[in-house]
C-alpha cells in the first residue's frame, strides 16, 4: 500500500475503476492517454465476484488509510463518498464512525446509497 501512497496517483483514477463510487458531482475525467486498458473493475476481474470483493476490500482499506493525508487533499468529497458507499455495501462496522465524523460525503449520493443498502 505504501507504493500507492507515495506514487502521486490521482486517487480518483483508482476510485473510477469501481462503478458508481465517485460522487455524481465529481468533475473527474480519466487521464489521457489512459493509464491502463481497463474500463472498470468488472472488466479487470472478468466478473469473478471473489476478486471483486478482494478489490473492494483493498480500496476500502486504502481509502480509510489515506482519507486524512495529503493523498486525499483536494479530493476529500470523492474519497469520503466512495468510502461511505463501500462501507454501506459491505455492512462494515466503520460506517457509523464515518457518518459521525467530520466528513465530506456528498449528501445526495450518500443518502441514496444508504437507502439502497437499507442503512437509513
PDB file of N, CA and C in Angstrom:
ATOM      1  N   UNK A   1       0.817  -1.192   0.000  1.00  0.00           N
ATOM      2  CA  UNK A   1       0.000   0.000   0.000  1.00  0.00           C
ATOM      3  C   UNK A   1       0.863   1.259   0.000  1.00  0.00           C
ATOM      4  N   UNK A   2       2.064   1.169   0.524  1.00  0.00           N
ATOM      5  CA  UNK A   2       2.949   2.319   0.590  1.00  0.00           C
ATOM      6  C   UNK A   2       3.225   2.886  -0.794  1.00  0.00           C
ATOM      7  N   UNK A   3       3.390   2.009  -1.786  1.00  0.00           N
ATOM      8  CA  UNK A   3       3.645   2.486  -3.139  1.00  0.00           C
ATOM      9  C   UNK A   3       2.494   3.324  -3.665  1.00  0.00           C
ATOM     10  N   UNK A   4       1.262   2.951  -3.348  1.00  0.00           N
ATOM     11  CA  UNK A   4       0.113   3.740  -3.787  1.00  0.00           C
ATOM     12  C   UNK A   4       0.133   5.116  -3.139  1.00  0.00           C
ATOM     13  N   UNK A   5       0.531   5.175  -1.899  1.00  0.00           N
ATOM     14  CA  UNK A   5       0.546   6.443  -1.175  1.00  0.00           C
ATOM     15  C   UNK A   5       1.645   7.358  -1.696  1.00  0.00           C
ATOM     16  N   UNK A   6       2.784   6.787  -2.052  1.00  0.00           N
ATOM     17  CA  UNK A   6       3.904   7.614  -2.499  1.00  0.00           C
ATOM     18  C   UNK A   6       3.950   7.809  -4.012  1.00  0.00           C
ATOM     19  N   UNK A   7       3.020   7.243  -4.751  1.00  0.00           N
ATOM     20  CA  UNK A   7       3.072   7.291  -6.211  1.00  0.00           C
ATOM     21  C   UNK A   7       2.568   8.601  -6.806  1.00  0.00           C
ATOM     22  N   UNK A   8       1.884   9.401  -6.056  1.00  0.00           N
ATOM     23  CA  UNK A   8       1.285  10.651  -6.524  1.00  0.00           C
ATOM     24  C   UNK A   8       0.206  10.420  -7.571  1.00  0.00           C
ATOM     25  N   UNK A   9      -0.389   9.249  -7.565  1.00  0.00           N
ATOM     26  CA  UNK A   9      -1.513   8.940  -8.432  1.00  0.00           C
ATOM     27  C   UNK A   9      -2.720   9.736  -7.955  1.00  0.00           C
ATOM     28  N   UNK A  10      -3.444  10.330  -8.879  1.00  0.00           N
ATOM     29  CA  UNK A  10      -4.703  10.987  -8.527  1.00  0.00           C
ATOM     30  C   UNK A  10      -5.628   9.881  -8.022  1.00  0.00           C
ATOM     31  N   UNK A  11      -5.999   9.945  -6.766  1.00  0.00           N
ATOM     32  CA  UNK A  11      -6.802   8.896  -6.134  1.00  0.00           C
ATOM     33  C   UNK A  11      -8.088   8.616  -6.908  1.00  0.00           C
ATOM     34  N   UNK A  12      -8.574   9.607  -7.614  1.00  0.00           N
ATOM     35  CA  UNK A  12      -9.812   9.426  -8.371  1.00  0.00           C
ATOM     36  C   UNK A  12      -9.622   8.472  -9.553  1.00  0.00           C
ATOM     37  N   UNK A  13      -8.386   8.347 -10.063  1.00  0.00           N
ATOM     38  CA  UNK A  13      -8.113   7.348 -11.119  1.00  0.00           C
ATOM     39  C   UNK A  13      -8.411   5.954 -10.593  1.00  0.00           C
ATOM     40  N   UNK A  14      -7.997   5.684  -9.367  1.00  0.00           N
ATOM     41  CA  UNK A  14      -8.249   4.382  -8.758  1.00  0.00           C
ATOM     42  C   UNK A  14      -9.735   4.194  -8.459  1.00  0.00           C
ATOM     43  N   UNK A  15     -10.347   5.186  -7.840  1.00  0.00           N
ATOM     44  CA  UNK A  15     -11.771   5.076  -7.489  1.00  0.00           C
ATOM     45  C   UNK A  15     -12.621   4.893  -8.747  1.00  0.00           C
ATOM     46  N   UNK A  16     -12.237   5.540  -9.846  1.00  0.00           N
ATOM     47  CA  UNK A  16     -13.048   5.477 -11.067  1.00  0.00           C
ATOM     48  C   UNK A  16     -13.130   4.069 -11.667  1.00  0.00           C
ATOM     49  N   UNK A  17     -12.242   3.176 -11.260  1.00  0.00           N
ATOM     50  CA  UNK A  17     -12.328   1.791 -11.719  1.00  0.00           C
ATOM     51  C   UNK A  17     -13.510   1.047 -11.103  1.00  0.00           C
ATOM     52  N   UNK A  18     -14.048   1.591 -10.037  1.00  0.00           N
ATOM     53  CA  UNK A  18     -15.157   0.974  -9.314  1.00  0.00           C
ATOM     54  C   UNK A  18     -16.438   1.716  -9.683  1.00  0.00           C
ATOM     55  N   UNK A  19     -17.312   1.091 -10.485  1.00  0.00           N
ATOM     56  CA  UNK A  19     -18.507   1.785 -10.962  1.00  0.00           C
ATOM     57  C   UNK A  19     -19.350   2.389  -9.833  1.00  0.00           C
ATOM     58  N   UNK A  20     -19.759   3.611 -10.043  1.00  0.00           N
ATOM     59  CA  UNK A  20     -20.689   4.364  -9.192  1.00  0.00           C
ATOM     60  C   UNK A  20     -20.115   4.830  -7.851  1.00  0.00           C
ATOM     61  N   UNK A  21     -18.824   4.647  -7.594  1.00  0.00           N
ATOM     62  CA  UNK A  21     -18.285   5.080  -6.303  1.00  0.00           C
ATOM     63  C   UNK A  21     -17.968   6.569  -6.250  1.00  0.00           C
ATOM     64  N   UNK A  22     -17.578   7.159  -7.368  1.00  0.00           N
ATOM     65  CA  UNK A  22     -17.342   8.604  -7.353  1.00  0.00           C
ATOM     66  C   UNK A  22     -18.684   9.316  -7.235  1.00  0.00           C
ATOM     67  N   UNK A  23     -18.734  10.409  -6.482  1.00  0.00           N
ATOM     68  CA  UNK A  23     -19.997  11.138  -6.374  1.00  0.00           C
ATOM     69  C   UNK A  23     -20.421  11.699  -7.730  1.00  0.00           C
ATOM     70  N   UNK A  24     -21.716  11.831  -7.935  1.00  0.00           N
ATOM     71  CA  UNK A  24     -22.213  12.332  -9.218  1.00  0.00           C
ATOM     72  C   UNK A  24     -21.745  13.763  -9.470  1.00  0.00           C
ATOM     73  N   UNK A  25     -21.405  14.484  -8.412  1.00  0.00           N
ATOM     74  CA  UNK A  25     -20.950  15.871  -8.558  1.00  0.00           C
ATOM     75  C   UNK A  25     -19.462  15.967  -8.905  1.00  0.00           C
ATOM     76  N   UNK A  26     -18.771  14.849  -8.920  1.00  0.00           N
ATOM     77  CA  UNK A  26     -17.342  14.860  -9.210  1.00  0.00           C
ATOM     78  C   UNK A  26     -17.105  15.254 -10.666  1.00  0.00           C
ATOM     79  N   UNK A  27     -16.182  16.138 -10.871  1.00  0.00           N
ATOM     80  CA  UNK A  27     -15.839  16.559 -12.225  1.00  0.00           C
ATOM     81  C   UNK A  27     -14.661  15.796 -12.789  1.00  0.00           C
ATOM     82  N   UNK A  28     -14.351  14.654 -12.199  1.00  0.00           N
ATOM     83  CA  UNK A  28     -13.172  13.900 -12.598  1.00  0.00           C
ATOM     84  C   UNK A  28     -13.299  13.344 -14.008  1.00  0.00           C
ATOM     85  N   UNK A  29     -12.213  13.475 -14.768  1.00  0.00           N
ATOM     86  CA  UNK A  29     -12.094  12.878 -16.094  1.00  0.00           C
ATOM     87  C   UNK A  29     -10.795  12.089 -16.098  1.00  0.00           C
ATOM     88  N   UNK A  30     -10.855  10.847 -16.520  1.00  0.00           N
ATOM     89  CA  UNK A  30      -9.671   9.986 -16.534  1.00  0.00           C
ATOM     90  C   UNK A  30      -8.547  10.592 -17.368  1.00  0.00           C
ATOM     91  N   UNK A  31      -7.322  10.209 -17.000  1.00  0.00           N
ATOM     92  CA  UNK A  31      -6.130  10.718 -17.677  1.00  0.00           C
ATOM     93  C   UNK A  31      -6.157  10.348 -19.159  1.00  0.00           C
ATOM     94  N   UNK A  32      -5.605  11.253 -19.954  1.00  0.00           N
ATOM     95  CA  UNK A  32      -5.472  10.972 -21.380  1.00  0.00           C
ATOM     96  C   UNK A  32      -4.049  11.246 -21.788  1.00  0.00           C
ATOM     97  N   UNK A  33      -3.304  10.321 -22.292  1.00  0.00           N
ATOM     98  CA  UNK A  33      -3.719   8.958 -22.629  1.00  0.00           C
ATOM     99  C   UNK A  33      -4.009   8.155 -21.368  1.00  0.00           C
ATOM    100  N   UNK A  34      -4.822   7.114 -21.500  1.00  0.00           N
ATOM    101  CA  UNK A  34      -5.201   6.302 -20.334  1.00  0.00           C
ATOM    102  C   UNK A  34      -3.989   5.689 -19.639  1.00  0.00           C
ATOM    103  N   UNK A  35      -4.096   5.543 -18.330  1.00  0.00           N
ATOM    104  CA  UNK A  35      -3.038   4.937 -17.542  1.00  0.00           C
ATOM    105  C   UNK A  35      -3.061   3.414 -17.627  1.00  0.00           C
ATOM    106  N   UNK A  36      -4.190   2.865 -18.105  1.00  0.00           N
ATOM    107  CA  UNK A  36      -4.364   1.420 -18.183  1.00  0.00           C
ATOM    108  C   UNK A  36      -5.410   1.127 -19.244  1.00  0.00           C
ATOM    109  N   UNK A  37      -5.586  -0.131 -19.550  1.00  0.00           N
ATOM    110  CA  UNK A  37      -6.513  -0.531 -20.609  1.00  0.00           C
ATOM    111  C   UNK A  37      -7.883  -0.984 -20.091  1.00  0.00           C
ATOM    112  N   UNK A  38      -8.119  -0.880 -18.804  1.00  0.00           N
ATOM    113  CA  UNK A  38      -9.355  -1.421 -18.221  1.00  0.00           C
ATOM    114  C   UNK A  38     -10.435  -0.352 -18.075  1.00  0.00           C
ATOM    115  N   UNK A  39     -11.628  -0.704 -18.486  1.00  0.00           N
ATOM    116  CA  UNK A  39     -12.754   0.212 -18.346  1.00  0.00           C
ATOM    117  C   UNK A  39     -13.179   0.333 -16.890  1.00  0.00           C
ATOM    118  N   UNK A  40     -13.209  -0.811 -16.210  1.00  0.00           N
ATOM    119  CA  UNK A  40     -13.630  -0.807 -14.812  1.00  0.00           C
ATOM    120  C   UNK A  40     -13.250  -2.130 -14.146  1.00  0.00           C
ATOM    121  N   UNK A  41     -13.609  -2.231 -12.883  1.00  0.00           N
ATOM    122  CA  UNK A  41     -13.276  -3.400 -12.075  1.00  0.00           C
ATOM    123  C   UNK A  41     -13.862  -4.688 -12.652  1.00  0.00           C
ATOM    124  N   UNK A  42     -15.053  -4.604 -13.211  1.00  0.00           N
ATOM    125  CA  UNK A  42     -15.692  -5.800 -13.763  1.00  0.00           C
ATOM    126  C   UNK A  42     -14.882  -6.369 -14.922  1.00  0.00           C
ATOM    127  N   UNK A  43     -14.353  -5.500 -15.770  1.00  0.00           N
ATOM    128  CA  UNK A  43     -13.514  -5.968 -16.873  1.00  0.00           C
ATOM    129  C   UNK A  43     -12.204  -6.522 -16.331  1.00  0.00           C
ATOM    130  N   UNK A  44     -11.626  -5.838 -15.358  1.00  0.00           N
ATOM    131  CA  UNK A  44     -10.351  -6.250 -14.771  1.00  0.00           C
ATOM    132  C   UNK A  44     -10.434  -7.633 -14.126  1.00  0.00           C
ATOM    133  N   UNK A  45     -11.533  -7.902 -13.429  1.00  0.00           N
ATOM    134  CA  UNK A  45     -11.695  -9.172 -12.717  1.00  0.00           C
ATOM    135  C   UNK A  45     -12.441 -10.218 -13.538  1.00  0.00           C
ATOM    136  N   UNK A  46     -12.861  -9.825 -14.719  1.00  0.00           N
ATOM    137  CA  UNK A  46     -13.635 -10.708 -15.611  1.00  0.00           C
ATOM    138  C   UNK A  46     -14.872 -11.270 -14.912  1.00  0.00           C
ATOM    139  N   UNK A  47     -15.473 -10.435 -14.054  1.00  0.00           N
ATOM    140  CA  UNK A  47     -16.705 -10.819 -13.387  1.00  0.00           C
ATOM    141  C   UNK A  47     -16.547 -11.776 -12.220  1.00  0.00           C
ATOM    142  N   UNK A  48     -15.340 -12.131 -11.846  1.00  0.00           N
ATOM    143  CA  UNK A  48     -15.089 -13.041 -10.724  1.00  0.00           C
ATOM    144  C   UNK A  48     -15.429 -12.303  -9.419  1.00  0.00           C
ATOM    145  N   UNK A  49     -16.533 -12.678  -8.793  1.00  0.00           N
ATOM    146  CA  UNK A  49     -17.029 -11.965  -7.625  1.00  0.00           C
ATOM    147  C   UNK A  49     -16.083 -12.026  -6.424  1.00  0.00           C
ATOM    148  N   UNK A  50     -15.324 -13.105  -6.311  1.00  0.00           N
ATOM    149  CA  UNK A  50     -14.339 -13.199  -5.231  1.00  0.00           C
ATOM    150  C   UNK A  50     -13.251 -12.136  -5.429  1.00  0.00           C
ATOM    151  N   UNK A  51     -12.804 -11.977  -6.664  1.00  0.00           N
ATOM    152  CA  UNK A  51     -11.802 -10.953  -6.966  1.00  0.00           C
ATOM    153  C   UNK A  51     -12.379  -9.552  -6.780  1.00  0.00           C
ATOM    154  N   UNK A  52     -13.615  -9.352  -7.181  1.00  0.00           N
ATOM    155  CA  UNK A  52     -14.280  -8.054  -6.988  1.00  0.00           C
ATOM    156  C   UNK A  52     -14.310  -7.717  -5.501  1.00  0.00           C
ATOM    157  N   UNK A  53     -14.695  -8.681  -4.681  1.00  0.00           N
ATOM    158  CA  UNK A  53     -14.745  -8.460  -3.227  1.00  0.00           C
ATOM    159  C   UNK A  53     -13.374  -8.122  -2.664  1.00  0.00           C
ATOM    160  N   UNK A  54     -12.346  -8.824  -3.104  1.00  0.00           N
ATOM    161  CA  UNK A  54     -10.983  -8.537  -2.639  1.00  0.00           C
ATOM    162  C   UNK A  54     -10.557  -7.131  -3.037  1.00  0.00           C
ATOM    163  N   UNK A  55     -10.863  -6.754  -4.251  1.00  0.00           N
ATOM    164  CA  UNK A  55     -10.507  -5.412  -4.722  1.00  0.00           C
ATOM    165  C   UNK A  55     -11.241  -4.336  -3.927  1.00  0.00           C
ATOM    166  N   UNK A  56     -12.499  -4.576  -3.633  1.00  0.00           N
ATOM    167  CA  UNK A  56     -13.271  -3.605  -2.850  1.00  0.00           C
ATOM    168  C   UNK A  56     -12.740  -3.517  -1.428  1.00  0.00           C
ATOM    169  N   UNK A  57     -12.341  -4.641  -0.851  1.00  0.00           N
ATOM    170  CA  UNK A  57     -11.747  -4.605   0.493  1.00  0.00           C
ATOM    171  C   UNK A  57     -10.430  -3.833   0.485  1.00  0.00           C
ATOM    172  N   UNK A  58      -9.635  -4.047  -0.569  1.00  0.00           N
ATOM    173  CA  UNK A  58      -8.392  -3.285  -0.698  1.00  0.00           C
ATOM    174  C   UNK A  58      -8.690  -1.791  -0.775  1.00  0.00           C
ATOM    175  N   UNK A  59      -9.624  -1.400  -1.648  1.00  0.00           N
ATOM    176  CA  UNK A  59      -9.928   0.025  -1.808  1.00  0.00           C
ATOM    177  C   UNK A  59     -10.462   0.617  -0.511  1.00  0.00           C
ATOM    178  N   UNK A  60     -11.309  -0.129   0.182  1.00  0.00           N
ATOM    179  CA  UNK A  60     -11.845   0.336   1.461  1.00  0.00           C
ATOM    180  C   UNK A  60     -10.713   0.602   2.446  1.00  0.00           C
ATOM    181  N   UNK A  61      -9.797  -0.323   2.547  1.00  0.00           N
ATOM    182  CA  UNK A  61      -8.663  -0.182   3.442  1.00  0.00           C
ATOM    183  C   UNK A  61      -7.785   1.002   3.034  1.00  0.00           C
ATOM    184  N   UNK A  62      -7.519   1.110   1.754  1.00  0.00           N
ATOM    185  CA  UNK A  62      -6.671   2.181   1.243  1.00  0.00           C
ATOM    186  C   UNK A  62      -7.299   3.560   1.485  1.00  0.00           C
ATOM    187  N   UNK A  63      -8.580   3.706   1.157  1.00  0.00           N
ATOM    188  CA  UNK A  63      -9.246   4.996   1.356  1.00  0.00           C
ATOM    189  C   UNK A  63      -9.310   5.365   2.829  1.00  0.00           C
ATOM    190  N   UNK A  64      -9.552   4.386   3.666  1.00  0.00           N
ATOM    191  CA  UNK A  64      -9.571   4.632   5.111  1.00  0.00           C
ATOM    192  C   UNK A  64      -8.213   5.138   5.581  1.00  0.00           C
ATOM    193  N   UNK A  65      -7.167   4.539   5.037  1.00  0.00           N
ATOM    194  CA  UNK A  65      -5.798   4.894   5.404  1.00  0.00           C
ATOM    195  C   UNK A  65      -5.407   6.310   4.953  1.00  0.00           C
ATOM    196  N   UNK A  66      -5.859   6.686   3.760  1.00  0.00           N
ATOM    197  CA  UNK A  66      -5.384   7.961   3.193  1.00  0.00           C
ATOM    198  C   UNK A  66      -6.337   9.136   3.376  1.00  0.00           C
ATOM    199  N   UNK A  67      -7.532   8.913   3.915  1.00  0.00           N
ATOM    200  CA  UNK A  67      -8.536   9.978   3.911  1.00  0.00           C
ATOM    201  C   UNK A  67      -8.120  11.225   4.674  1.00  0.00           C
ATOM    202  N   UNK A  68      -7.232  11.117   5.624  1.00  0.00           N
ATOM    203  CA  UNK A  68      -6.784  12.306   6.353  1.00  0.00           C
ATOM    204  C   UNK A  68      -5.322  12.636   6.048  1.00  0.00           C
ATOM    205  N   UNK A  69      -4.873  12.253   4.849  1.00  0.00           N
ATOM    206  CA  UNK A  69      -3.491  12.517   4.456  1.00  0.00           C
ATOM    207  C   UNK A  69      -3.455  13.450   3.248  1.00  0.00           C
ATOM    208  N   UNK A  70      -2.254  13.781   2.856  1.00  0.00           N
ATOM    209  CA  UNK A  70      -2.030  14.640   1.692  1.00  0.00           C
ATOM    210  C   UNK A  70      -2.561  13.999   0.403  1.00  0.00           C
ATOM    211  N   UNK A  71      -2.607  12.686   0.343  1.00  0.00           N
ATOM    212  CA  UNK A  71      -3.076  11.981  -0.854  1.00  0.00           C
ATOM    213  C   UNK A  71      -4.522  12.372  -1.181  1.00  0.00           C
ATOM    214  N   UNK A  72      -5.346  12.558  -0.170  1.00  0.00           N
ATOM    215  CA  UNK A  72      -6.751  12.900  -0.373  1.00  0.00           C
ATOM    216  C   UNK A  72      -6.976  14.399  -0.469  1.00  0.00           C
ATOM    217  N   UNK A  73      -5.951  15.170  -0.242  1.00  0.00           N
ATOM    218  CA  UNK A  73      -6.069  16.625  -0.231  1.00  0.00           C
ATOM    219  C   UNK A  73      -6.689  17.132  -1.536  1.00  0.00           C
ATOM    220  N   UNK A  74      -7.767  17.869  -1.408  1.00  0.00           N
ATOM    221  CA  UNK A  74      -8.467  18.395  -2.568  1.00  0.00           C
ATOM    222  C   UNK A  74      -9.530  17.473  -3.120  1.00  0.00           C
ATOM    223  N   UNK A  75      -9.511  16.222  -2.721  1.00  0.00           N
ATOM    224  CA  UNK A  75     -10.472  15.237  -3.225  1.00  0.00           C
ATOM    225  C   UNK A  75     -11.235  14.582  -2.074  1.00  0.00           C
ATOM    226  N   UNK A  76     -11.359  15.279  -0.979  1.00  0.00           N
ATOM    227  CA  UNK A  76     -11.969  14.712   0.220  1.00  0.00           C
ATOM    228  C   UNK A  76     -13.384  14.216  -0.025  1.00  0.00           C
ATOM    229  N   UNK A  77     -14.163  14.974  -0.795  1.00  0.00           N
ATOM    230  CA  UNK A  77     -15.535  14.546  -1.062  1.00  0.00           C
ATOM    231  C   UNK A  77     -15.552  13.238  -1.856  1.00  0.00           C
ATOM    232  N   UNK A  78     -14.679  13.118  -2.833  1.00  0.00           N
ATOM    233  CA  UNK A  78     -14.615  11.892  -3.635  1.00  0.00           C
ATOM    234  C   UNK A  78     -14.205  10.702  -2.766  1.00  0.00           C
ATOM    235  N   UNK A  79     -13.212  10.907  -1.926  1.00  0.00           N
ATOM    236  CA  UNK A  79     -12.707   9.841  -1.055  1.00  0.00           C
ATOM    237  C   UNK A  79     -13.765   9.442  -0.021  1.00  0.00           C
ATOM    238  N   UNK A  80     -14.317  10.417   0.684  1.00  0.00           N
ATOM    239  CA  UNK A  80     -15.292  10.098   1.736  1.00  0.00           C
ATOM    240  C   UNK A  80     -16.563   9.471   1.175  1.00  0.00           C
ATOM    241  N   UNK A  81     -17.040   9.963   0.042  1.00  0.00           N
ATOM    242  CA  UNK A  81     -18.253   9.399  -0.552  1.00  0.00           C
ATOM    243  C   UNK A  81     -18.012   7.960  -1.009  1.00  0.00           C
ATOM    244  N   UNK A  82     -16.881   7.713  -1.648  1.00  0.00           N
ATOM    245  CA  UNK A  82     -16.558   6.339  -2.074  1.00  0.00           C
ATOM    246  C   UNK A  82     -16.437   5.422  -0.864  1.00  0.00           C
ATOM    247  N   UNK A  83     -15.798   5.912   0.189  1.00  0.00           N
ATOM    248  CA  UNK A  83     -15.635   5.108   1.398  1.00  0.00           C
ATOM    249  C   UNK A  83     -16.982   4.807   2.037  1.00  0.00           C
ATOM    250  N   UNK A  84     -17.858   5.778   2.109  1.00  0.00           N
ATOM    251  CA  UNK A  84     -19.202   5.551   2.655  1.00  0.00           C
ATOM    252  C   UNK A  84     -19.933   4.478   1.844  1.00  0.00           C
ATOM    253  N   UNK A  85     -19.843   4.563   0.528  1.00  0.00           N
ATOM    254  CA  UNK A  85     -20.529   3.589  -0.321  1.00  0.00           C
ATOM    255  C   UNK A  85     -19.972   2.182  -0.109  1.00  0.00           C
ATOM    256  N   UNK A  86     -18.669   2.074   0.001  1.00  0.00           N
ATOM    257  CA  UNK A  86     -18.059   0.768   0.259  1.00  0.00           C
ATOM    258  C   UNK A  86     -18.459   0.229   1.622  1.00  0.00           C
ATOM    259  N   UNK A  87     -18.428   1.075   2.648  1.00  0.00           N
ATOM    260  CA  UNK A  87     -18.830   0.657   3.992  1.00  0.00           C
ATOM    261  C   UNK A  87     -20.283   0.186   4.011  1.00  0.00           C
ATOM    262  N   UNK A  88     -21.170   0.950   3.370  1.00  0.00           N
ATOM    263  CA  UNK A  88     -22.592   0.602   3.366  1.00  0.00           C
ATOM    264  C   UNK A  88     -22.825  -0.724   2.653  1.00  0.00           C
ATOM    265  N   UNK A  89     -22.185  -0.887   1.506  1.00  0.00           N
ATOM    266  CA  UNK A  89     -22.348  -2.109   0.724  1.00  0.00           C
ATOM    267  C   UNK A  89     -21.847  -3.337   1.482  1.00  0.00           C
ATOM    268  N   UNK A  90     -20.759  -3.168   2.232  1.00  0.00           N
ATOM    269  CA  UNK A  90     -20.155  -4.293   2.956  1.00  0.00           C
ATOM    270  C   UNK A  90     -20.703  -4.458   4.367  1.00  0.00           C
ATOM    271  N   UNK A  91     -21.626  -3.587   4.762  1.00  0.00           N
ATOM    272  CA  UNK A  91     -22.156  -3.590   6.128  1.00  0.00           C
ATOM    273  C   UNK A  91     -20.999  -3.528   7.138  1.00  0.00           C
ATOM    274  N   UNK A  92     -20.051  -2.649   6.855  1.00  0.00           N
ATOM    275  CA  UNK A  92     -18.818  -2.514   7.635  1.00  0.00           C
ATOM    276  C   UNK A  92     -19.077  -1.725   8.919  1.00  0.00           C
ATOM    277  N   UNK A  93     -18.435  -2.153   9.996  1.00  0.00           N
ATOM    278  CA  UNK A  93     -18.634  -1.506  11.299  1.00  0.00           C
ATOM    279  C   UNK A  93     -18.146  -0.052  11.327  1.00  0.00           C
ATOM    280  N   UNK A  94     -17.316   0.357  10.388  1.00  0.00           N
ATOM    281  CA  UNK A  94     -16.797   1.727  10.369  1.00  0.00           C
ATOM    282  C   UNK A  94     -17.751   2.734   9.735  1.00  0.00           C
ATOM    283  N   UNK A  95     -18.881   2.270   9.200  1.00  0.00           N
ATOM    284  CA  UNK A  95     -19.834   3.180   8.575  1.00  0.00           C
ATOM    285  C   UNK A  95     -20.307   4.247   9.554  1.00  0.00           C
ATOM    286  N   UNK A  96     -20.712   3.846  10.737  1.00  0.00           N
ATOM    287  CA  UNK A  96     -21.197   4.805  11.722  1.00  0.00           C
ATOM    288  C   UNK A  96     -20.100   5.791  12.121  1.00  0.00           C
ATOM    289  N   UNK A  97     -18.882   5.291  12.289  1.00  0.00           N
ATOM    290  CA  UNK A  97     -17.756   6.178  12.625  1.00  0.00           C
ATOM    291  C   UNK A  97     -17.567   7.245  11.549  1.00  0.00           C
ATOM    292  N   UNK A  98     -17.670   6.857  10.299  1.00  0.00           N
ATOM    293  CA  UNK A  98     -17.529   7.822   9.209  1.00  0.00           C
ATOM    294  C   UNK A  98     -18.671   8.833   9.243  1.00  0.00           C
ATOM    295  N   UNK A  99     -19.877   8.353   9.452  1.00  0.00           N
ATOM    296  CA  UNK A  99     -21.042   9.242   9.450  1.00  0.00           C
ATOM    297  C   UNK A  99     -21.000  10.280  10.572  1.00  0.00           C
ATOM    298  N   UNK A 100     -20.496   9.887  11.737  1.00  0.00           N
ATOM    299  CA  UNK A 100     -20.476  10.825  12.862  1.00  0.00           C
ATOM    300  C   UNK A 100     -19.205  11.668  12.902  1.00  0.00           C
ATOM    301  N   UNK A 101     -18.262  11.364  12.026  1.00  0.00           N
ATOM    302  CA  UNK A 101     -17.019  12.139  11.987  1.00  0.00           C
ATOM    303  C   UNK A 101     -17.221  13.382  11.119  1.00  0.00           C
ATOM    304  N   UNK A 102     -16.219  14.241  11.131  1.00  0.00           N
ATOM    305  CA  UNK A 102     -16.212  15.394  10.242  1.00  0.00           C
ATOM    306  C   UNK A 102     -15.883  14.861   8.858  1.00  0.00           C
ATOM    307  N   UNK A 103     -16.905  14.618   8.040  1.00  0.00           N
ATOM    308  CA  UNK A 103     -16.683  14.023   6.723  1.00  0.00           C
ATOM    309  C   UNK A 103     -17.131  14.978   5.622  1.00  0.00           C
ATOM    310  N   UNK A 104     -16.737  14.653   4.402  1.00  0.00           N
ATOM    311  CA  UNK A 104     -17.070  15.484   3.249  1.00  0.00           C
ATOM    312  C   UNK A 104     -17.945  14.721   2.256  1.00  0.00           C
ATOM    313  N   UNK A 105     -18.693  13.739   2.748  1.00  0.00           N
ATOM    314  CA  UNK A 105     -19.529  12.923   1.872  1.00  0.00           C
ATOM    315  C   UNK A 105     -20.521  13.792   1.102  1.00  0.00           C
ATOM    316  N   UNK A 106     -20.737  13.455  -0.165  1.00  0.00           N
ATOM    317  CA  UNK A 106     -21.723  14.140  -0.994  1.00  0.00           C
ATOM    318  C   UNK A 106     -23.096  13.667  -0.502  1.00  0.00           C
ATOM    319  N   UNK A 107     -23.888  14.581   0.008  1.00  0.00           N
ATOM    320  CA  UNK A 107     -25.127  14.239   0.722  1.00  0.00           C
ATOM    321  C   UNK A 107     -26.120  13.466  -0.148  1.00  0.00           C
ATOM    322  N   UNK A 108     -26.401  13.944  -1.343  1.00  0.00           N
ATOM    323  CA  UNK A 108     -27.389  13.281  -2.198  1.00  0.00           C
ATOM    324  C   UNK A 108     -27.007  11.859  -2.547  1.00  0.00           C
ATOM    325  N   UNK A 109     -25.791  11.673  -3.027  1.00  0.00           N
ATOM    326  CA  UNK A 109     -25.311  10.335  -3.380  1.00  0.00           C
ATOM    327  C   UNK A 109     -25.282   9.426  -2.154  1.00  0.00           C
ATOM    328  N   UNK A 110     -24.807   9.973  -1.048  1.00  0.00           N
ATOM    329  CA  UNK A 110     -24.667   9.168   0.163  1.00  0.00           C
ATOM    330  C   UNK A 110     -26.020   8.706   0.683  1.00  0.00           C
ATOM    331  N   UNK A 111     -26.985   9.615   0.717  1.00  0.00           N
ATOM    332  CA  UNK A 111     -28.317   9.260   1.201  1.00  0.00           C
ATOM    333  C   UNK A 111     -28.944   8.182   0.322  1.00  0.00           C
ATOM    334  N   UNK A 112     -28.822   8.342  -0.995  1.00  0.00           N
ATOM    335  CA  UNK A 112     -29.380   7.348  -1.917  1.00  0.00           C
ATOM    336  C   UNK A 112     -28.708   5.987  -1.721  1.00  0.00           C
ATOM    337  N   UNK A 113     -27.397   5.985  -1.530  1.00  0.00           N
ATOM    338  CA  UNK A 113     -26.655   4.724  -1.347  1.00  0.00           C
ATOM    339  C   UNK A 113     -27.043   4.072  -0.022  1.00  0.00           C
ATOM    340  N   UNK A 114     -27.183   4.890   1.027  1.00  0.00           N
ATOM    341  CA  UNK A 114     -27.580   4.349   2.330  1.00  0.00           C
ATOM    342  C   UNK A 114     -28.979   3.750   2.271  1.00  0.00           C
ATOM    343  N   UNK A 115     -29.877   4.408   1.557  1.00  0.00           N
ATOM    344  CA  UNK A 115     -31.233   3.863   1.381  1.00  0.00           C
ATOM    345  C   UNK A 115     -31.183   2.552   0.599  1.00  0.00           C
ATOM    346  N   UNK A 116     -30.430   2.547  -0.484  1.00  0.00           N
ATOM    347  CA  UNK A 116     -30.308   1.351  -1.319  1.00  0.00           C
ATOM    348  C   UNK A 116     -29.843   0.158  -0.523  1.00  0.00           C
ATOM    349  N   UNK A 117     -28.923   0.384   0.411  1.00  0.00           N
ATOM    350  CA  UNK A 117     -28.360  -0.709   1.222  1.00  0.00           C
ATOM    351  C   UNK A 117     -29.006  -0.803   2.603  1.00  0.00           C
ATOM    352  N   UNK A 118     -30.187  -0.161   2.721  1.00  0.00           N
ATOM    353  CA  UNK A 118     -31.020  -0.260   3.924  1.00  0.00           C
ATOM    354  C   UNK A 118     -30.283   0.156   5.199  1.00  0.00           C
ATOM    355  N   UNK A 119     -29.556   1.292   5.097  1.00  0.00           N
ATOM    356  CA  UNK A 119     -28.829   1.821   6.240  1.00  0.00           C
ATOM    357  C   UNK A 119     -29.490   3.074   6.794  1.00  0.00           C
ATOM    358  N   UNK A 120     -30.575   3.508   6.167  1.00  0.00           N
ATOM    359  CA  UNK A 120     -31.323   4.672   6.668  1.00  0.00           C
ATOM    360  C   UNK A 120     -32.624   4.249   7.282  1.00  0.00           C
TER     361      UNK A 120
END
